[in-house]
Amino acid sequence: MDEPFAGLDLFLTEELEELIVRLKKTLGMGILYVTHSPRDALRIADRVALMREGRIVRTDTREGIMRHPKSGFVCRMLGIREMKS
């Protein structure tokens, strides 16, 4: 899915995100979800890959990335003010 909710209102976006999460669990399938929105990625994903200039710079679970961003770039992308040690 490439930016499937671009242009939708927040209410509809949240409903569709919940549907995707339910389908993913029910069907036991993986979904590649491309977005520029950290909020969307962290709500839907089990694992996250952050890219910079076409290269993957960080992959982890959503919890792992939030707890240990490991770089200033990742902090800025996720809106984290400072790196946690």
PDB file of N, CA and C in Angstrom:
ATOM      1  N   MET A   1       0.844  -1.163   0.000  1.00  0.00           N
ATOM      2  CA  MET A   1       0.000   0.000   0.000  1.00  0.00           C
ATOM      3  C   MET A   1       0.895   1.235   0.000  1.00  0.00           C
ATOM      4  N   ASP A   2       0.666   2.122  -0.908  1.00  0.00           N
ATOM      5  CA  ASP A   2       1.472   3.340  -1.005  1.00  0.00           C
ATOM      6  C   ASP A   2       0.600   4.541  -0.681  1.00  0.00           C
ATOM      7  N   GLU A   3       0.774   5.103   0.508  1.00  0.00           N
ATOM      8  CA  GLU A   3       0.025   6.275   0.967  1.00  0.00           C
ATOM      9  C   GLU A   3      -1.488   6.103   0.749  1.00  0.00           C
ATOM     10  N   PRO A   4      -2.065   4.983   1.247  1.00  0.00           N
ATOM     11  CA  PRO A   4      -3.474   4.715   0.936  1.00  0.00           C
ATOM     12  C   PRO A   4      -4.458   5.700   1.549  1.00  0.00           C
ATOM     13  N   PHE A   5      -4.051   6.432   2.589  1.00  0.00           N
ATOM     14  CA  PHE A   5      -4.992   7.328   3.253  1.00  0.00           C
ATOM     15  C   PHE A   5      -4.717   8.795   2.969  1.00  0.00           C
ATOM     16  N   ALA A   6      -3.835   9.077   2.049  1.00  0.00           N
ATOM     17  CA  ALA A   6      -3.534  10.471   1.711  1.00  0.00           C
ATOM     18  C   ALA A   6      -4.813  11.177   1.276  1.00  0.00           C
ATOM     19  N   GLY A   7      -5.082  12.301   1.874  1.00  0.00           N
ATOM     20  CA  GLY A   7      -6.252  13.084   1.488  1.00  0.00           C
ATOM     21  C   GLY A   7      -7.534  12.713   2.206  1.00  0.00           C
ATOM     22  N   LEU A   8      -7.508  11.686   3.050  1.00  0.00           N
ATOM     23  CA  LEU A   8      -8.718  11.323   3.788  1.00  0.00           C
ATOM     24  C   LEU A   8      -8.762  12.083   5.104  1.00  0.00           C
ATOM     25  N   ASP A   9      -9.972  12.278   5.621  1.00  0.00           N
ATOM     26  CA  ASP A   9     -10.078  12.953   6.909  1.00  0.00           C
ATOM     27  C   ASP A   9      -9.622  12.013   8.025  1.00  0.00           C
ATOM     28  N   LEU A  10      -9.321  12.572   9.181  1.00  0.00           N
ATOM     29  CA  LEU A  10      -8.761  11.814  10.298  1.00  0.00           C
ATOM     30  C   LEU A  10      -9.687  10.698  10.752  1.00  0.00           C
ATOM     31  N   PHE A  11     -10.990  10.953  10.817  1.00  0.00           N
ATOM     32  CA  PHE A  11     -11.958   9.945  11.257  1.00  0.00           C
ATOM     33  C   PHE A  11     -11.929   8.719  10.355  1.00  0.00           C
ATOM     34  N   LEU A  12     -12.003   8.926   9.057  1.00  0.00           N
ATOM     35  CA  LEU A  12     -11.989   7.816   8.113  1.00  0.00           C
ATOM     36  C   LEU A  12     -10.636   7.109   8.131  1.00  0.00           C
ATOM     37  N   THR A  13      -9.555   7.867   8.237  1.00  0.00           N
ATOM     38  CA  THR A  13      -8.220   7.276   8.315  1.00  0.00           C
ATOM     39  C   THR A  13      -8.117   6.330   9.503  1.00  0.00           C
ATOM     40  N   GLU A  14      -8.580   6.764  10.672  1.00  0.00           N
ATOM     41  CA  GLU A  14      -8.512   5.910  11.865  1.00  0.00           C
ATOM     42  C   GLU A  14      -9.349   4.647  11.704  1.00  0.00           C
ATOM     43  N   GLU A  15     -10.518   4.767  11.094  1.00  0.00           N
ATOM     44  CA  GLU A  15     -11.353   3.582  10.848  1.00  0.00           C
ATOM     45  C   GLU A  15     -10.648   2.592   9.927  1.00  0.00           C
ATOM     46  N   LEU A  16     -10.054   3.094   8.867  1.00  0.00           N
ATOM     47  CA  LEU A  16      -9.376   2.211   7.914  1.00  0.00           C
ATOM     48  C   LEU A  16      -8.109   1.603   8.518  1.00  0.00           C
ATOM     49  N   GLU A  17      -7.409   2.351   9.350  1.00  0.00           N
ATOM     50  CA  GLU A  17      -6.234   1.789  10.033  1.00  0.00           C
ATOM     51  C   GLU A  17      -6.645   0.618  10.912  1.00  0.00           C
ATOM     52  N   GLU A  18      -7.735   0.776  11.656  1.00  0.00           N
ATOM     53  CA  GLU A  18      -8.233  -0.313  12.498  1.00  0.00           C
ATOM     54  C   GLU A  18      -8.612  -1.524  11.656  1.00  0.00           C
ATOM     55  N   LEU A  19      -9.224  -1.299  10.507  1.00  0.00           N
ATOM     56  CA  LEU A  19      -9.583  -2.386   9.602  1.00  0.00           C
ATOM     57  C   LEU A  19      -8.335  -3.117   9.114  1.00  0.00           C
ATOM     58  N   ILE A  20      -7.307  -2.386   8.734  1.00  0.00           N
ATOM     59  CA  ILE A  20      -6.068  -3.014   8.259  1.00  0.00           C
ATOM     60  C   ILE A  20      -5.444  -3.864   9.360  1.00  0.00           C
ATOM     61  N   VAL A  21      -5.412  -3.346  10.574  1.00  0.00           N
ATOM     62  CA  VAL A  21      -4.840  -4.101  11.687  1.00  0.00           C
ATOM     63  C   VAL A  21      -5.644  -5.385  11.923  1.00  0.00           C
ATOM     64  N   ARG A  22      -6.965  -5.297  11.894  1.00  0.00           N
ATOM     65  CA  ARG A  22      -7.806  -6.495  12.076  1.00  0.00           C
ATOM     66  C   ARG A  22      -7.583  -7.504  10.954  1.00  0.00           C
ATOM     67  N   LEU A  23      -7.543  -7.034   9.703  1.00  0.00           N
ATOM     68  CA  LEU A  23      -7.316  -7.944   8.572  1.00  0.00           C
ATOM     69  C   LEU A  23      -5.956  -8.621   8.677  1.00  0.00           C
ATOM     70  N   LYS A  24      -4.953  -7.859   9.039  1.00  0.00           N
ATOM     71  CA  LYS A  24      -3.599  -8.399   9.169  1.00  0.00           C
ATOM     72  C   LYS A  24      -3.589  -9.542  10.186  1.00  0.00           C
ATOM     73  N   LYS A  25      -4.247  -9.331  11.319  1.00  0.00           N
ATOM     74  CA  LYS A  25      -4.288 -10.362  12.366  1.00  0.00           C
ATOM     75  C   LYS A  25      -5.165 -11.541  11.955  1.00  0.00           C
ATOM     76  N   THR A  26      -6.329 -11.258  11.412  1.00  0.00           N
ATOM     77  CA  THR A  26      -7.267 -12.315  11.032  1.00  0.00           C
ATOM     78  C   THR A  26      -6.707 -13.205   9.931  1.00  0.00           C
ATOM     79  N   LEU A  27      -6.121 -12.594   8.914  1.00  0.00           N
ATOM     80  CA  LEU A  27      -5.616 -13.351   7.770  1.00  0.00           C
ATOM     81  C   LEU A  27      -4.188 -13.841   7.968  1.00  0.00           C
ATOM     82  N   GLY A  28      -3.522 -13.332   8.986  1.00  0.00           N
ATOM     83  CA  GLY A  28      -2.140 -13.732   9.239  1.00  0.00           C
ATOM     84  C   GLY A  28      -1.208 -13.345   8.101  1.00  0.00           C
ATOM     85  N   MET A  29      -1.445 -12.184   7.536  1.00  0.00           N
ATOM     86  CA  MET A  29      -0.651 -11.778   6.383  1.00  0.00           C
ATOM     87  C   MET A  29       0.163 -10.529   6.692  1.00  0.00           C
ATOM     88  N   GLY A  30       1.233 -10.355   5.951  1.00  0.00           N
ATOM     89  CA  GLY A  30       2.035  -9.154   6.060  1.00  0.00           C
ATOM     90  C   GLY A  30       1.560  -8.116   5.063  1.00  0.00           C
ATOM     91  N   ILE A  31       1.736  -6.867   5.420  1.00  0.00           N
ATOM     92  CA  ILE A  31       1.348  -5.766   4.551  1.00  0.00           C
ATOM     93  C   ILE A  31       2.503  -4.786   4.499  1.00  0.00           C
ATOM     94  N   LEU A  32       2.910  -4.424   3.308  1.00  0.00           N
ATOM     95  CA  LEU A  32       3.914  -3.380   3.143  1.00  0.00           C
ATOM     96  C   LEU A  32       3.161  -2.067   2.989  1.00  0.00           C
ATOM     97  N   TYR A  33       3.346  -1.186   3.955  1.00  0.00           N
ATOM     98  CA  TYR A  33       2.589   0.067   4.030  1.00  0.00           C
ATOM     99  C   TYR A  33       3.582   1.213   3.933  1.00  0.00           C
ATOM    100  N   VAL A  34       3.495   1.991   2.882  1.00  0.00           N
ATOM    101  CA  VAL A  34       4.418   3.110   2.652  1.00  0.00           C
ATOM    102  C   VAL A  34       3.711   4.400   3.039  1.00  0.00           C
ATOM    103  N   THR A  35       4.378   5.192   3.883  1.00  0.00           N
ATOM    104  CA  THR A  35       3.784   6.453   4.310  1.00  0.00           C
ATOM    105  C   THR A  35       4.858   7.445   4.702  1.00  0.00           C
ATOM    106  N   HIS A  36       4.515   8.714   4.635  1.00  0.00           N
ATOM    107  CA  HIS A  36       5.382   9.776   5.143  1.00  0.00           C
ATOM    108  C   HIS A  36       4.952  10.160   6.555  1.00  0.00           C
ATOM    109  N   SER A  37       3.916   9.534   7.056  1.00  0.00           N
ATOM    110  CA  SER A  37       3.353   9.882   8.360  1.00  0.00           C
ATOM    111  C   SER A  37       3.849   8.925   9.442  1.00  0.00           C
ATOM    112  N   PRO A  38       4.704   9.402  10.340  1.00  0.00           N
ATOM    113  CA  PRO A  38       5.137   8.547  11.454  1.00  0.00           C
ATOM    114  C   PRO A  38       3.952   8.065  12.283  1.00  0.00           C
ATOM    115  N   ARG A  39       2.956   8.910  12.430  1.00  0.00           N
ATOM    116  CA  ARG A  39       1.764   8.541  13.191  1.00  0.00           C
ATOM    117  C   ARG A  39       1.089   7.306  12.593  1.00  0.00           C
ATOM    118  N   ASP A  40       0.879   7.326  11.279  1.00  0.00           N
ATOM    119  CA  ASP A  40       0.255   6.176  10.615  1.00  0.00           C
ATOM    120  C   ASP A  40       1.120   4.931  10.775  1.00  0.00           C
ATOM    121  N   ALA A  41       2.403   5.073  10.521  1.00  0.00           N
ATOM    122  CA  ALA A  41       3.304   3.919  10.594  1.00  0.00           C
ATOM    123  C   ALA A  41       3.301   3.291  11.985  1.00  0.00           C
ATOM    124  N   LEU A  42       3.361   4.116  13.008  1.00  0.00           N
ATOM    125  CA  LEU A  42       3.433   3.593  14.364  1.00  0.00           C
ATOM    126  C   LEU A  42       2.103   3.041  14.852  1.00  0.00           C
ATOM    127  N   ARG A  43       1.007   3.458  14.259  1.00  0.00           N
ATOM    128  CA  ARG A  43      -0.303   2.905  14.635  1.00  0.00           C
ATOM    129  C   ARG A  43      -0.546   1.540  13.990  1.00  0.00           C
ATOM    130  N   ILE A  44      -0.037   1.330  12.795  1.00  0.00           N
ATOM    131  CA  ILE A  44      -0.357   0.133  12.032  1.00  0.00           C
ATOM    132  C   ILE A  44       0.723  -0.948  12.122  1.00  0.00           C
ATOM    133  N   ALA A  45       1.971  -0.549  12.109  1.00  0.00           N
ATOM    134  CA  ALA A  45       3.080  -1.481  11.887  1.00  0.00           C
ATOM    135  C   ALA A  45       3.451  -2.317  13.104  1.00  0.00           C
ATOM    136  N   ASP A  46       3.882  -3.536  12.830  1.00  0.00           N
ATOM    137  CA  ASP A  46       4.558  -4.354  13.833  1.00  0.00           C
ATOM    138  C   ASP A  46       6.053  -4.035  13.767  1.00  0.00           C
ATOM    139  N   ARG A  47       6.536  -3.863  12.532  1.00  0.00           N
ATOM    140  CA  ARG A  47       7.933  -3.490  12.297  1.00  0.00           C
ATOM    141  C   ARG A  47       7.960  -2.268  11.399  1.00  0.00           C
ATOM    142  N   VAL A  48       8.974  -1.415  11.615  1.00  0.00           N
ATOM    143  CA  VAL A  48       9.089  -0.164  10.878  1.00  0.00           C
ATOM    144  C   VAL A  48      10.466  -0.089  10.234  1.00  0.00           C
ATOM    145  N   ALA A  49      10.516   0.392   8.999  1.00  0.00           N
ATOM    146  CA  ALA A  49      11.783   0.686   8.327  1.00  0.00           C
ATOM    147  C   ALA A  49      11.745   2.161   7.939  1.00  0.00           C
ATOM    148  N   LEU A  50      12.715   2.914   8.414  1.00  0.00           N
ATOM    149  CA  LEU A  50      12.819   4.327   8.056  1.00  0.00           C
ATOM    150  C   LEU A  50      13.849   4.484   6.956  1.00  0.00           C
ATOM    151  N   MET A  51      13.502   5.284   5.960  1.00  0.00           N
ATOM    152  CA  MET A  51      14.399   5.478   4.825  1.00  0.00           C
ATOM    153  C   MET A  51      14.848   6.927   4.740  1.00  0.00           C
ATOM    154  N   ARG A  52      16.062   7.107   4.237  1.00  0.00           N
ATOM    155  CA  ARG A  52      16.609   8.436   3.975  1.00  0.00           C
ATOM    156  C   ARG A  52      17.356   8.367   2.656  1.00  0.00           C
ATOM    157  N   GLU A  53      16.963   9.238   1.721  1.00  0.00           N
ATOM    158  CA  GLU A  53      17.587   9.291   0.407  1.00  0.00           C
ATOM    159  C   GLU A  53      17.615   7.912  -0.266  1.00  0.00           C
ATOM    160  N   GLY A  54      16.494   7.196  -0.149  1.00  0.00           N
ATOM    161  CA  GLY A  54      16.341   5.912  -0.819  1.00  0.00           C
ATOM    162  C   GLY A  54      17.000   4.725  -0.147  1.00  0.00           C
ATOM    163  N   ARG A  55      17.548   4.922   1.044  1.00  0.00           N
ATOM    164  CA  ARG A  55      18.207   3.822   1.760  1.00  0.00           C
ATOM    165  C   ARG A  55      17.576   3.620   3.131  1.00  0.00           C
ATOM    166  N   ILE A  56      17.460   2.380   3.521  1.00  0.00           N
ATOM    167  CA  ILE A  56      16.932   2.075   4.848  1.00  0.00           C
ATOM    168  C   ILE A  56      18.004   2.428   5.876  1.00  0.00           C
ATOM    169  N   VAL A  57      17.619   3.267   6.850  1.00  0.00           N
ATOM    170  CA  VAL A  57      18.576   3.690   7.876  1.00  0.00           C
ATOM    171  C   VAL A  57      18.266   3.094   9.243  1.00  0.00           C
ATOM    172  N   ARG A  58      17.062   2.559   9.412  1.00  0.00           N
ATOM    173  CA  ARG A  58      16.723   1.978  10.716  1.00  0.00           C
ATOM    174  C   ARG A  58      15.533   1.070  10.555  1.00  0.00           C
ATOM    175  N   THR A  59      15.637  -0.142  11.100  1.00  0.00           N
ATOM    176  CA  THR A  59      14.501  -1.060  11.151  1.00  0.00           C
ATOM    177  C   THR A  59      14.399  -1.617  12.560  1.00  0.00           C
ATOM    178  N   ASP A  60      13.189  -1.820  12.997  1.00  0.00           N
ATOM    179  CA  ASP A  60      12.962  -2.386  14.328  1.00  0.00           C
ATOM    180  C   ASP A  60      11.457  -2.490  14.526  1.00  0.00           C
ATOM    181  N   THR A  61      11.059  -2.992  15.684  1.00  0.00           N
ATOM    182  CA  THR A  61       9.651  -2.937  16.051  1.00  0.00           C
ATOM    183  C   THR A  61       9.310  -1.483  16.336  1.00  0.00           C
ATOM    184  N   ARG A  62       8.042  -1.161  16.331  1.00  0.00           N
ATOM    185  CA  ARG A  62       7.680   0.229  16.631  1.00  0.00           C
ATOM    186  C   ARG A  62       8.120   0.615  18.042  1.00  0.00           C
ATOM    187  N   GLU A  63       8.028  -0.326  18.976  1.00  0.00           N
ATOM    188  CA  GLU A  63       8.464  -0.037  20.344  1.00  0.00           C
ATOM    189  C   GLU A  63       9.969   0.169  20.403  1.00  0.00           C
ATOM    190  N   GLY A  64      10.721  -0.652  19.675  1.00  0.00           N
ATOM    191  CA  GLY A  64      12.177  -0.540  19.659  1.00  0.00           C
ATOM    192  C   GLY A  64      12.648   0.783  19.079  1.00  0.00           C
ATOM    193  N   ILE A  65      12.013   1.207  18.019  1.00  0.00           N
ATOM    194  CA  ILE A  65      12.404   2.478  17.397  1.00  0.00           C
ATOM    195  C   ILE A  65      12.082   3.648  18.325  1.00  0.00           C
ATOM    196  N   MET A  66      10.943   3.618  18.971  1.00  0.00           N
ATOM    197  CA  MET A  66      10.582   4.716  19.866  1.00  0.00           C
ATOM    198  C   MET A  66      11.485   4.757  21.102  1.00  0.00           C
ATOM    199  N   ARG A  67      11.834   3.603  21.635  1.00  0.00           N
ATOM    200  CA  ARG A  67      12.676   3.565  22.839  1.00  0.00           C
ATOM    201  C   ARG A  67      14.140   3.845  22.545  1.00  0.00           C
ATOM    202  N   HIS A  68      14.606   3.395  21.379  1.00  0.00           N
ATOM    203  CA  HIS A  68      16.026   3.505  21.027  1.00  0.00           C
ATOM    204  C   HIS A  68      16.169   3.971  19.582  1.00  0.00           C
ATOM    205  N   PRO A  69      15.909   5.244  19.291  1.00  0.00           N
ATOM    206  CA  PRO A  69      15.947   5.722  17.904  1.00  0.00           C
ATOM    207  C   PRO A  69      17.335   5.646  17.264  1.00  0.00           C
ATOM    208  N   LYS A  70      18.399   5.756  18.035  1.00  0.00           N
ATOM    209  CA  LYS A  70      19.792   5.572  17.603  1.00  0.00           C
ATOM    210  C   LYS A  70      20.368   6.639  16.693  1.00  0.00           C
ATOM    211  N   SER A  71      19.599   7.625  16.265  1.00  0.00           N
ATOM    212  CA  SER A  71      20.186   8.702  15.461  1.00  0.00           C
ATOM    213  C   SER A  71      19.295   9.943  15.518  1.00  0.00           C
ATOM    214  N   GLY A  72      19.912  11.082  15.276  1.00  0.00           N
ATOM    215  CA  GLY A  72      19.170  12.326  15.231  1.00  0.00           C
ATOM    216  C   GLY A  72      18.121  12.331  14.135  1.00  0.00           C
ATOM    217  N   PHE A  73      18.450  11.722  12.989  1.00  0.00           N
ATOM    218  CA  PHE A  73      17.501  11.653  11.876  1.00  0.00           C
ATOM    219  C   PHE A  73      16.227  10.923  12.301  1.00  0.00           C
ATOM    220  N   VAL A  74      16.386   9.786  12.958  1.00  0.00           N
ATOM    221  CA  VAL A  74      15.227   9.007  13.397  1.00  0.00           C
ATOM    222  C   VAL A  74      14.420   9.814  14.410  1.00  0.00           C
ATOM    223  N   CYS A  75      15.095  10.485  15.326  1.00  0.00           N
ATOM    224  CA  CYS A  75      14.400  11.340  16.298  1.00  0.00           C
ATOM    225  C   CYS A  75      13.562  12.391  15.585  1.00  0.00           C
ATOM    226  N   ARG A  76      14.160  13.068  14.618  1.00  0.00           N
ATOM    227  CA  ARG A  76      13.431  14.112  13.887  1.00  0.00           C
ATOM    228  C   ARG A  76      12.241  13.523  13.132  1.00  0.00           C
ATOM    229  N   MET A  77      12.410  12.384  12.505  1.00  0.00           N
ATOM    230  CA  MET A  77      11.316  11.759  11.745  1.00  0.00           C
ATOM    231  C   MET A  77      10.138  11.408  12.642  1.00  0.00           C
ATOM    232  N   LEU A  78      10.438  10.990  13.870  1.00  0.00           N
ATOM    233  CA  LEU A  78       9.383  10.539  14.779  1.00  0.00           C
ATOM    234  C   LEU A  78       8.910  11.625  15.737  1.00  0.00           C
ATOM    235  N   GLY A  79       9.524  12.807  15.629  1.00  0.00           N
ATOM    236  CA  GLY A  79       9.133  13.903  16.501  1.00  0.00           C
ATOM    237  C   GLY A  79       9.609  13.747  17.932  1.00  0.00           C
ATOM    238  N   ILE A  80      10.694  12.988  18.104  1.00  0.00           N
ATOM    239  CA  ILE A  80      11.284  12.810  19.430  1.00  0.00           C
ATOM    240  C   ILE A  80      12.278  13.943  19.640  1.00  0.00           C
ATOM    241  N   ARG A  81      12.194  14.651  20.741  1.00  0.00           N
ATOM    242  CA  ARG A  81      13.028  15.819  20.972  1.00  0.00           C
ATOM    243  C   ARG A  81      14.497  15.478  21.159  1.00  0.00           C
ATOM    244  N   GLU A  82      14.810  14.428  21.873  1.00  0.00           N
ATOM    245  CA  GLU A  82      16.214  14.077  22.078  1.00  0.00           C
ATOM    246  C   GLU A  82      16.361  12.578  22.133  1.00  0.00           C
ATOM    247  N   MET A  83      17.536  12.103  21.793  1.00  0.00           N
ATOM    248  CA  MET A  83      17.781  10.670  21.798  1.00  0.00           C
ATOM    249  C   MET A  83      17.811  10.157  23.232  1.00  0.00           C
ATOM    250  N   LYS A  84      17.183   9.008  23.432  1.00  0.00           N
ATOM    251  CA  LYS A  84      17.213   8.358  24.744  1.00  0.00           C
ATOM    252  C   LYS A  84      18.394   7.397  24.763  1.00  0.00           C
ATOM    253  N   SER A  85      19.070   7.331  25.881  1.00  0.00           N
ATOM    254  CA  SER A  85      20.233   6.421  25.959  1.00  0.00           C
ATOM    255  C   SER A  85      19.823   5.068  26.478  1.00  0.00           C
TER     256      SER A  85
END
